[in-house]
Amino acid sequence: MKILITGGAGFIGSAVVRAAIAQGHSVVNVDKLTYAACLDNVASVADNESYVFFQGDICDRAAMDRILKETQPEAIMHLAAESHVDRSIDGPGAFI
């Protein structure tokens, strides 16, 4: 199955990406690469033919439409989130 995973460079998302690849799934990873993301988390699958990464914001409708059209996933796992407490105080709009 081809799965699009948002937030796949974060701590939890990257674990799901690695597990899905290990189970034989194809993975499309979409991550904005903010403070919580780290591509080192998915380095072990970066060269896998069943893995593709897109840097993008899930709030960017045009970008997501393009990614969805290009990759045609069978399922979407939404794991992207802004969750850092200090950042929510400095700029609460991103958390609403």
PDB file of N, CA and C in Angstrom:
ATOM      1  N   MET A   1       0.844  -1.170   0.000  1.00  0.00           N
ATOM      2  CA  MET A   1       0.000   0.000   0.000  1.00  0.00           C
ATOM      3  C   MET A   1       0.891   1.235   0.000  1.00  0.00           C
ATOM      4  N   LYS A   2       0.477   2.261  -0.726  1.00  0.00           N
ATOM      5  CA  LYS A   2       1.194   3.530  -0.717  1.00  0.00           C
ATOM      6  C   LYS A   2       0.525   4.452   0.302  1.00  0.00           C
ATOM      7  N   ILE A   3       1.307   4.872   1.296  1.00  0.00           N
ATOM      8  CA  ILE A   3       0.799   5.690   2.396  1.00  0.00           C
ATOM      9  C   ILE A   3       1.476   7.047   2.377  1.00  0.00           C
ATOM     10  N   LEU A   4       0.703   8.119   2.390  1.00  0.00           N
ATOM     11  CA  LEU A   4       1.243   9.459   2.566  1.00  0.00           C
ATOM     12  C   LEU A   4       1.227   9.750   4.060  1.00  0.00           C
ATOM     13  N   ILE A   5       2.382  10.089   4.604  1.00  0.00           N
ATOM     14  CA  ILE A   5       2.506  10.384   6.029  1.00  0.00           C
ATOM     15  C   ILE A   5       2.935  11.828   6.188  1.00  0.00           C
ATOM     16  N   THR A   6       2.116  12.622   6.873  1.00  0.00           N
ATOM     17  CA  THR A   6       2.505  13.999   7.166  1.00  0.00           C
ATOM     18  C   THR A   6       3.285  14.010   8.472  1.00  0.00           C
ATOM     19  N   GLY A   7       4.271  14.892   8.548  1.00  0.00           N
ATOM     20  CA  GLY A   7       5.082  14.958   9.763  1.00  0.00           C
ATOM     21  C   GLY A   7       6.040  13.797   9.898  1.00  0.00           C
ATOM     22  N   GLY A   8       6.425  13.216   8.784  1.00  0.00           N
ATOM     23  CA  GLY A   8       7.246  12.018   8.806  1.00  0.00           C
ATOM     24  C   GLY A   8       8.708  12.211   9.161  1.00  0.00           C
ATOM     25  N   ALA A   9       9.130  13.445   9.409  1.00  0.00           N
ATOM     26  CA  ALA A   9      10.510  13.679   9.849  1.00  0.00           C
ATOM     27  C   ALA A   9      10.572  13.971  11.346  1.00  0.00           C
ATOM     28  N   GLY A  10       9.432  13.960  11.996  1.00  0.00           N
ATOM     29  CA  GLY A  10       9.390  14.157  13.446  1.00  0.00           C
ATOM     30  C   GLY A  10       9.652  12.852  14.175  1.00  0.00           C
ATOM     31  N   PHE A  11       9.657  12.915  15.477  1.00  0.00           N
ATOM     32  CA  PHE A  11       9.984  11.749  16.298  1.00  0.00           C
ATOM     33  C   PHE A  11       9.020  10.586  16.053  1.00  0.00           C
ATOM     34  N   ILE A  12       7.734  10.838  16.198  1.00  0.00           N
ATOM     35  CA  ILE A  12       6.741   9.773  16.013  1.00  0.00           C
ATOM     36  C   ILE A  12       6.558   9.454  14.532  1.00  0.00           C
ATOM     37  N   GLY A  13       6.438  10.483  13.716  1.00  0.00           N
ATOM     38  CA  GLY A  13       6.235  10.269  12.288  1.00  0.00           C
ATOM     39  C   GLY A  13       7.334   9.451  11.643  1.00  0.00           C
ATOM     40  N   SER A  14       8.572   9.726  12.019  1.00  0.00           N
ATOM     41  CA  SER A  14       9.691   8.979  11.427  1.00  0.00           C
ATOM     42  C   SER A  14       9.671   7.512  11.851  1.00  0.00           C
ATOM     43  N   ALA A  15       9.230   7.241  13.066  1.00  0.00           N
ATOM     44  CA  ALA A  15       9.107   5.848  13.512  1.00  0.00           C
ATOM     45  C   ALA A  15       8.042   5.127  12.688  1.00  0.00           C
ATOM     46  N   VAL A  16       6.955   5.822  12.387  1.00  0.00           N
ATOM     47  CA  VAL A  16       5.894   5.237  11.561  1.00  0.00           C
ATOM     48  C   VAL A  16       6.402   5.025  10.132  1.00  0.00           C
ATOM     49  N   VAL A  17       7.139   5.994   9.603  1.00  0.00           N
ATOM     50  CA  VAL A  17       7.722   5.853   8.262  1.00  0.00           C
ATOM     51  C   VAL A  17       8.606   4.610   8.197  1.00  0.00           C
ATOM     52  N   ARG A  18       9.511   4.473   9.142  1.00  0.00           N
ATOM     53  CA  ARG A  18      10.427   3.326   9.143  1.00  0.00           C
ATOM     54  C   ARG A  18       9.670   2.004   9.288  1.00  0.00           C
ATOM     55  N   ALA A  19       8.662   1.981  10.149  1.00  0.00           N
ATOM     56  CA  ALA A  19       7.874   0.759  10.347  1.00  0.00           C
ATOM     57  C   ALA A  19       7.093   0.396   9.083  1.00  0.00           C
ATOM     58  N   ALA A  20       6.508   1.386   8.433  1.00  0.00           N
ATOM     59  CA  ALA A  20       5.735   1.127   7.214  1.00  0.00           C
ATOM     60  C   ALA A  20       6.631   0.576   6.109  1.00  0.00           C
ATOM     61  N   ILE A  21       7.804   1.163   5.951  1.00  0.00           N
ATOM     62  CA  ILE A  21       8.759   0.669   4.947  1.00  0.00           C
ATOM     63  C   ILE A  21       9.169  -0.769   5.288  1.00  0.00           C
ATOM     64  N   ALA A  22       9.446  -1.027   6.554  1.00  0.00           N
ATOM     65  CA  ALA A  22       9.858  -2.371   6.993  1.00  0.00           C
ATOM     66  C   ALA A  22       8.772  -3.409   6.728  1.00  0.00           C
ATOM     67  N   GLN A  23       7.505  -2.964   6.738  1.00  0.00           N
ATOM     68  CA  GLN A  23       6.389  -3.876   6.495  1.00  0.00           C
ATOM     69  C   GLN A  23       6.042  -3.989   5.009  1.00  0.00           C
ATOM     70  N   GLY A  24       6.834  -3.354   4.160  1.00  0.00           N
ATOM     71  CA  GLY A  24       6.642  -3.499   2.726  1.00  0.00           C
ATOM     72  C   GLY A  24       5.776  -2.452   2.064  1.00  0.00           C
ATOM     73  N   HIS A  25       5.416  -1.415   2.778  1.00  0.00           N
ATOM     74  CA  HIS A  25       4.602  -0.347   2.202  1.00  0.00           C
ATOM     75  C   HIS A  25       5.482   0.678   1.497  1.00  0.00           C
ATOM     76  N   SER A  26       4.892   1.405   0.568  1.00  0.00           N
ATOM     77  CA  SER A  26       5.536   2.572  -0.029  1.00  0.00           C
ATOM     78  C   SER A  26       5.116   3.780   0.787  1.00  0.00           C
ATOM     79  N   VAL A  27       6.048   4.710   1.002  1.00  0.00           N
ATOM     80  CA  VAL A  27       5.760   5.863   1.847  1.00  0.00           C
ATOM     81  C   VAL A  27       6.093   7.160   1.126  1.00  0.00           C
ATOM     82  N   VAL A  28       5.137   8.084   1.173  1.00  0.00           N
ATOM     83  CA  VAL A  28       5.328   9.460   0.739  1.00  0.00           C
ATOM     84  C   VAL A  28       5.352  10.287   2.016  1.00  0.00           C
ATOM     85  N   ASN A  29       6.482  10.900   2.308  1.00  0.00           N
ATOM     86  CA  ASN A  29       6.666  11.665   3.538  1.00  0.00           C
ATOM     87  C   ASN A  29       6.578  13.148   3.208  1.00  0.00           C
ATOM     88  N   VAL A  30       5.625  13.846   3.825  1.00  0.00           N
ATOM     89  CA  VAL A  30       5.486  15.289   3.646  1.00  0.00           C
ATOM     90  C   VAL A  30       5.743  15.950   4.988  1.00  0.00           C
ATOM     91  N   ASP A  31       6.769  16.794   5.039  1.00  0.00           N
ATOM     92  CA  ASP A  31       7.109  17.465   6.288  1.00  0.00           C
ATOM     93  C   ASP A  31       7.569  18.889   5.985  1.00  0.00           C
ATOM     94  N   LYS A  32       7.164  19.808   6.820  1.00  0.00           N
ATOM     95  CA  LYS A  32       7.542  21.217   6.676  1.00  0.00           C
ATOM     96  C   LYS A  32       8.975  21.469   7.137  1.00  0.00           C
ATOM     97  N   LEU A  33       9.518  20.550   7.910  1.00  0.00           N
ATOM     98  CA  LEU A  33      10.862  20.645   8.474  1.00  0.00           C
ATOM     99  C   LEU A  33      11.011  21.863   9.389  1.00  0.00           C
ATOM    100  N   THR A  34      10.114  21.956  10.356  1.00  0.00           N
ATOM    101  CA  THR A  34      10.226  23.003  11.369  1.00  0.00           C
ATOM    102  C   THR A  34      11.134  22.504  12.489  1.00  0.00           C
ATOM    103  N   TYR A  35      11.107  23.176  13.616  1.00  0.00           N
ATOM    104  CA  TYR A  35      11.982  22.879  14.758  1.00  0.00           C
ATOM    105  C   TYR A  35      11.922  21.427  15.224  1.00  0.00           C
ATOM    106  N   ALA A  36      10.801  20.753  15.055  1.00  0.00           N
ATOM    107  CA  ALA A  36      10.634  19.397  15.593  1.00  0.00           C
ATOM    108  C   ALA A  36      11.078  18.307  14.624  1.00  0.00           C
ATOM    109  N   ALA A  37      11.391  18.681  13.401  1.00  0.00           N
ATOM    110  CA  ALA A  37      11.722  17.690  12.377  1.00  0.00           C
ATOM    111  C   ALA A  37      13.231  17.532  12.215  1.00  0.00           C
ATOM    112  N   CYS A  38      13.617  16.352  11.773  1.00  0.00           N
ATOM    113  CA  CYS A  38      15.035  16.079  11.522  1.00  0.00           C
ATOM    114  C   CYS A  38      15.126  14.961  10.486  1.00  0.00           C
ATOM    115  N   LEU A  39      15.673  15.277   9.329  1.00  0.00           N
ATOM    116  CA  LEU A  39      15.777  14.261   8.283  1.00  0.00           C
ATOM    117  C   LEU A  39      16.698  13.112   8.671  1.00  0.00           C
ATOM    118  N   ASP A  40      17.552  13.315   9.660  1.00  0.00           N
ATOM    119  CA  ASP A  40      18.373  12.201  10.160  1.00  0.00           C
ATOM    120  C   ASP A  40      17.490  11.065  10.675  1.00  0.00           C
ATOM    121  N   ASN A  41      16.270  11.414  11.123  1.00  0.00           N
ATOM    122  CA  ASN A  41      15.342  10.403  11.640  1.00  0.00           C
ATOM    123  C   ASN A  41      14.929   9.391  10.574  1.00  0.00           C
ATOM    124  N   VAL A  42      14.990   9.786   9.312  1.00  0.00           N
ATOM    125  CA  VAL A  42      14.585   8.892   8.221  1.00  0.00           C
ATOM    126  C   VAL A  42      15.753   8.564   7.289  1.00  0.00           C
ATOM    127  N   ALA A  43      16.960   8.850   7.736  1.00  0.00           N
ATOM    128  CA  ALA A  43      18.146   8.596   6.906  1.00  0.00           C
ATOM    129  C   ALA A  43      18.265   7.126   6.513  1.00  0.00           C
ATOM    130  N   SER A  44      17.829   6.241   7.383  1.00  0.00           N
ATOM    131  CA  SER A  44      17.957   4.804   7.110  1.00  0.00           C
ATOM    132  C   SER A  44      17.065   4.328   5.965  1.00  0.00           C
ATOM    133  N   VAL A  45      16.055   5.108   5.596  1.00  0.00           N
ATOM    134  CA  VAL A  45      15.167   4.724   4.489  1.00  0.00           C
ATOM    135  C   VAL A  45      15.247   5.690   3.311  1.00  0.00           C
ATOM    136  N   ALA A  46      16.061   6.724   3.433  1.00  0.00           N
ATOM    137  CA  ALA A  46      16.106   7.783   2.418  1.00  0.00           C
ATOM    138  C   ALA A  46      16.416   7.259   1.017  1.00  0.00           C
ATOM    139  N   ASP A  47      17.224   6.225   0.914  1.00  0.00           N
ATOM    140  CA  ASP A  47      17.592   5.675  -0.394  1.00  0.00           C
ATOM    141  C   ASP A  47      16.718   4.497  -0.821  1.00  0.00           C
ATOM    142  N   ASN A  48      15.718   4.178  -0.032  1.00  0.00           N
ATOM    143  CA  ASN A  48      14.827   3.065  -0.348  1.00  0.00           C
ATOM    144  C   ASN A  48      13.919   3.462  -1.513  1.00  0.00           C
ATOM    145  N   GLU A  49      13.770   2.593  -2.484  1.00  0.00           N
ATOM    146  CA  GLU A  49      12.934   2.907  -3.651  1.00  0.00           C
ATOM    147  C   GLU A  49      11.456   3.044  -3.296  1.00  0.00           C
ATOM    148  N   SER A  50      11.068   2.592  -2.124  1.00  0.00           N
ATOM    149  CA  SER A  50       9.679   2.699  -1.670  1.00  0.00           C
ATOM    150  C   SER A  50       9.426   3.963  -0.858  1.00  0.00           C
ATOM    151  N   TYR A  51      10.387   4.884  -0.852  1.00  0.00           N
ATOM    152  CA  TYR A  51      10.290   6.089  -0.023  1.00  0.00           C
ATOM    153  C   TYR A  51      10.531   7.334  -0.864  1.00  0.00           C
ATOM    154  N   VAL A  52       9.699   8.338  -0.649  1.00  0.00           N
ATOM    155  CA  VAL A  52       9.910   9.640  -1.282  1.00  0.00           C
ATOM    156  C   VAL A  52       9.584  10.724  -0.258  1.00  0.00           C
ATOM    157  N   PHE A  53      10.369  11.803  -0.281  1.00  0.00           N
ATOM    158  CA  PHE A  53      10.189  12.907   0.660  1.00  0.00           C
ATOM    159  C   PHE A  53       9.857  14.188  -0.092  1.00  0.00           C
ATOM    160  N   PHE A  54       8.880  14.921   0.443  1.00  0.00           N
ATOM    161  CA  PHE A  54       8.550  16.252  -0.051  1.00  0.00           C
ATOM    162  C   PHE A  54       8.601  17.217   1.119  1.00  0.00           C
ATOM    163  N   GLN A  55       9.369  18.298   0.987  1.00  0.00           N
ATOM    164  CA  GLN A  55       9.312  19.346   2.001  1.00  0.00           C
ATOM    165  C   GLN A  55       8.164  20.260   1.622  1.00  0.00           C
ATOM    166  N   GLY A  56       7.198  20.383   2.525  1.00  0.00           N
ATOM    167  CA  GLY A  56       6.048  21.217   2.237  1.00  0.00           C
ATOM    168  C   GLY A  56       5.170  21.399   3.450  1.00  0.00           C
ATOM    169  N   ASP A  57       4.348  22.414   3.370  1.00  0.00           N
ATOM    170  CA  ASP A  57       3.422  22.774   4.438  1.00  0.00           C
ATOM    171  C   ASP A  57       2.053  22.185   4.110  1.00  0.00           C
ATOM    172  N   ILE A  58       1.496  21.412   5.015  1.00  0.00           N
ATOM    173  CA  ILE A  58       0.184  20.813   4.757  1.00  0.00           C
ATOM    174  C   ILE A  58      -0.914  21.865   4.646  1.00  0.00           C
ATOM    175  N   CYS A  59      -0.639  23.092   5.077  1.00  0.00           N
ATOM    176  CA  CYS A  59      -1.608  24.186   4.940  1.00  0.00           C
ATOM    177  C   CYS A  59      -1.553  24.823   3.553  1.00  0.00           C
ATOM    178  N   ASP A  60      -0.598  24.433   2.740  1.00  0.00           N
ATOM    179  CA  ASP A  60      -0.454  24.940   1.374  1.00  0.00           C
ATOM    180  C   ASP A  60      -1.250  24.026   0.444  1.00  0.00           C
ATOM    181  N   ARG A  61      -2.461  24.435   0.159  1.00  0.00           N
ATOM    182  CA  ARG A  61      -3.394  23.604  -0.615  1.00  0.00           C
ATOM    183  C   ARG A  61      -2.845  23.239  -1.991  1.00  0.00           C
ATOM    184  N   ALA A  62      -2.242  24.208  -2.676  1.00  0.00           N
ATOM    185  CA  ALA A  62      -1.720  23.938  -4.017  1.00  0.00           C
ATOM    186  C   ALA A  62      -0.601  22.896  -3.967  1.00  0.00           C
ATOM    187  N   ALA A  63       0.278  23.011  -2.992  1.00  0.00           N
ATOM    188  CA  ALA A  63       1.373  22.042  -2.855  1.00  0.00           C
ATOM    189  C   ALA A  63       0.829  20.651  -2.552  1.00  0.00           C
ATOM    190  N   MET A  64      -0.130  20.573  -1.654  1.00  0.00           N
ATOM    191  CA  MET A  64      -0.700  19.271  -1.307  1.00  0.00           C
ATOM    192  C   MET A  64      -1.465  18.667  -2.481  1.00  0.00           C
ATOM    193  N   ASP A  65      -2.194  19.490  -3.216  1.00  0.00           N
ATOM    194  CA  ASP A  65      -2.883  18.988  -4.408  1.00  0.00           C
ATOM    195  C   ASP A  65      -1.882  18.401  -5.399  1.00  0.00           C
ATOM    196  N   ARG A  66      -0.753  19.090  -5.595  1.00  0.00           N
ATOM    197  CA  ARG A  66       0.282  18.623  -6.519  1.00  0.00           C
ATOM    198  C   ARG A  66       0.881  17.301  -6.040  1.00  0.00           C
ATOM    199  N   ILE A  67       1.196  17.228  -4.750  1.00  0.00           N
ATOM    200  CA  ILE A  67       1.787  16.006  -4.191  1.00  0.00           C
ATOM    201  C   ILE A  67       0.810  14.837  -4.294  1.00  0.00           C
ATOM    202  N   LEU A  68      -0.450  15.082  -3.955  1.00  0.00           N
ATOM    203  CA  LEU A  68      -1.455  14.019  -4.030  1.00  0.00           C
ATOM    204  C   LEU A  68      -1.664  13.544  -5.465  1.00  0.00           C
ATOM    205  N   LYS A  69      -1.702  14.485  -6.400  1.00  0.00           N
ATOM    206  CA  LYS A  69      -1.883  14.117  -7.804  1.00  0.00           C
ATOM    207  C   LYS A  69      -0.681  13.324  -8.319  1.00  0.00           C
ATOM    208  N   GLU A  70       0.512  13.758  -7.924  1.00  0.00           N
ATOM    209  CA  GLU A  70       1.737  13.108  -8.396  1.00  0.00           C
ATOM    210  C   GLU A  70       1.938  11.719  -7.798  1.00  0.00           C
ATOM    211  N   THR A  71       1.583  11.547  -6.530  1.00  0.00           N
ATOM    212  CA  THR A  71       1.915  10.297  -5.841  1.00  0.00           C
ATOM    213  C   THR A  71       0.761   9.309  -5.721  1.00  0.00           C
ATOM    214  N   GLN A  72      -0.477   9.784  -5.781  1.00  0.00           N
ATOM    215  CA  GLN A  72      -1.663   8.921  -5.724  1.00  0.00           C
ATOM    216  C   GLN A  72      -1.633   7.932  -4.550  1.00  0.00           C
ATOM    217  N   PRO A  73      -1.536   8.425  -3.308  1.00  0.00           N
ATOM    218  CA  PRO A  73      -1.504   7.500  -2.168  1.00  0.00           C
ATOM    219  C   PRO A  73      -2.849   6.799  -1.977  1.00  0.00           C
ATOM    220  N   GLU A  74      -2.783   5.620  -1.383  1.00  0.00           N
ATOM    221  CA  GLU A  74      -3.996   4.864  -1.070  1.00  0.00           C
ATOM    222  C   GLU A  74      -4.519   5.195   0.318  1.00  0.00           C
ATOM    223  N   ALA A  75      -3.659   5.742   1.160  1.00  0.00           N
ATOM    224  CA  ALA A  75      -4.049   6.109   2.525  1.00  0.00           C
ATOM    225  C   ALA A  75      -3.212   7.305   2.970  1.00  0.00           C
ATOM    226  N   ILE A  76      -3.757   8.059   3.918  1.00  0.00           N
ATOM    227  CA  ILE A  76      -3.048   9.206   4.495  1.00  0.00           C
ATOM    228  C   ILE A  76      -3.040   9.054   6.005  1.00  0.00           C
ATOM    229  N   MET A  77      -1.851   9.201   6.583  1.00  0.00           N
ATOM    230  CA  MET A  77      -1.710   9.224   8.045  1.00  0.00           C
ATOM    231  C   MET A  77      -1.236  10.624   8.414  1.00  0.00           C
ATOM    232  N   HIS A  78      -2.092  11.363   9.104  1.00  0.00           N
ATOM    233  CA  HIS A  78      -1.769  12.749   9.446  1.00  0.00           C
ATOM    234  C   HIS A  78      -1.106  12.795  10.821  1.00  0.00           C
ATOM    235  N   LEU A  79       0.211  12.994  10.832  1.00  0.00           N
ATOM    236  CA  LEU A  79       0.972  13.052  12.073  1.00  0.00           C
ATOM    237  C   LEU A  79       1.660  14.402  12.255  1.00  0.00           C
ATOM    238  N   ALA A  80       1.499  15.312  11.310  1.00  0.00           N
ATOM    239  CA  ALA A  80       2.115  16.637  11.421  1.00  0.00           C
ATOM    240  C   ALA A  80       1.419  17.433  12.517  1.00  0.00           C
ATOM    241  N   ALA A  81       2.219  18.151  13.293  1.00  0.00           N
ATOM    242  CA  ALA A  81       1.647  18.958  14.375  1.00  0.00           C
ATOM    243  C   ALA A  81       2.638  20.010  14.832  1.00  0.00           C
ATOM    244  N   GLU A  82       2.109  21.091  15.306  1.00  0.00           N
ATOM    245  CA  GLU A  82       2.889  22.102  16.021  1.00  0.00           C
ATOM    246  C   GLU A  82       2.549  21.880  17.482  1.00  0.00           C
ATOM    247  N   SER A  83       3.541  21.506  18.271  1.00  0.00           N
ATOM    248  CA  SER A  83       3.188  21.103  19.636  1.00  0.00           C
ATOM    249  C   SER A  83       4.063  21.694  20.736  1.00  0.00           C
ATOM    250  N   HIS A  84       5.018  22.490  20.406  1.00  0.00           N
ATOM    251  CA  HIS A  84       5.955  23.005  21.399  1.00  0.00           C
ATOM    252  C   HIS A  84       5.294  24.099  22.233  1.00  0.00           C
ATOM    253  N   VAL A  85       5.228  23.925  23.536  1.00  0.00           N
ATOM    254  CA  VAL A  85       4.512  24.844  24.427  1.00  0.00           C
ATOM    255  C   VAL A  85       5.058  26.260  24.332  1.00  0.00           C
ATOM    256  N   ASP A  86       6.376  26.426  24.379  1.00  0.00           N
ATOM    257  CA  ASP A  86       6.945  27.773  24.307  1.00  0.00           C
ATOM    258  C   ASP A  86       6.548  28.475  23.020  1.00  0.00           C
ATOM    259  N   ARG A  87       6.545  27.756  21.928  1.00  0.00           N
ATOM    260  CA  ARG A  87       6.168  28.354  20.647  1.00  0.00           C
ATOM    261  C   ARG A  87       4.682  28.705  20.616  1.00  0.00           C
ATOM    262  N   SER A  88       3.858  27.951  21.317  1.00  0.00           N
ATOM    263  CA  SER A  88       2.426  28.261  21.340  1.00  0.00           C
ATOM    264  C   SER A  88       2.151  29.551  22.093  1.00  0.00           C
ATOM    265  N   ILE A  89       2.994  29.897  23.031  1.00  0.00           N
ATOM    266  CA  ILE A  89       2.839  31.158  23.765  1.00  0.00           C
ATOM    267  C   ILE A  89       3.304  32.323  22.896  1.00  0.00           C
ATOM    268  N   ASP A  90       4.420  32.142  22.197  1.00  0.00           N
ATOM    269  CA  ASP A  90       4.958  33.201  21.340  1.00  0.00           C
ATOM    270  C   ASP A  90       4.078  33.473  20.130  1.00  0.00           C
ATOM    271  N   GLY A  91       3.487  32.447  19.569  1.00  0.00           N
ATOM    272  CA  GLY A  91       2.670  32.605  18.365  1.00  0.00           C
ATOM    273  C   GLY A  91       1.544  31.604  18.332  1.00  0.00           C
ATOM    274  N   PRO A  92       0.479  31.848  19.086  1.00  0.00           N
ATOM    275  CA  PRO A  92      -0.591  30.857  19.214  1.00  0.00           C
ATOM    276  C   PRO A  92      -1.358  30.568  17.926  1.00  0.00           C
ATOM    277  N   GLY A  93      -1.305  31.452  16.963  1.00  0.00           N
ATOM    278  CA  GLY A  93      -2.064  31.259  15.734  1.00  0.00           C
ATOM    279  C   GLY A  93      -1.739  29.975  15.005  1.00  0.00           C
ATOM    280  N   ALA A  94      -0.489  29.551  15.048  1.00  0.00           N
ATOM    281  CA  ALA A  94      -0.080  28.330  14.343  1.00  0.00           C
ATOM    282  C   ALA A  94      -0.645  27.072  14.984  1.00  0.00           C
ATOM    283  N   PHE A  95      -1.150  27.184  16.195  1.00  0.00           N
ATOM    284  CA  PHE A  95      -1.636  26.020  16.934  1.00  0.00           C
ATOM    285  C   PHE A  95      -3.154  25.896  16.907  1.00  0.00           C
ATOM    286  N   ILE A  96      -3.797  26.805  16.229  1.00  0.00           N
ATOM    287  CA  ILE A  96      -5.265  26.809  16.196  1.00  0.00           C
ATOM    288  C   ILE A  96      -5.744  26.162  14.911  1.00  0.00           C
TER     289      ILE A  96
END
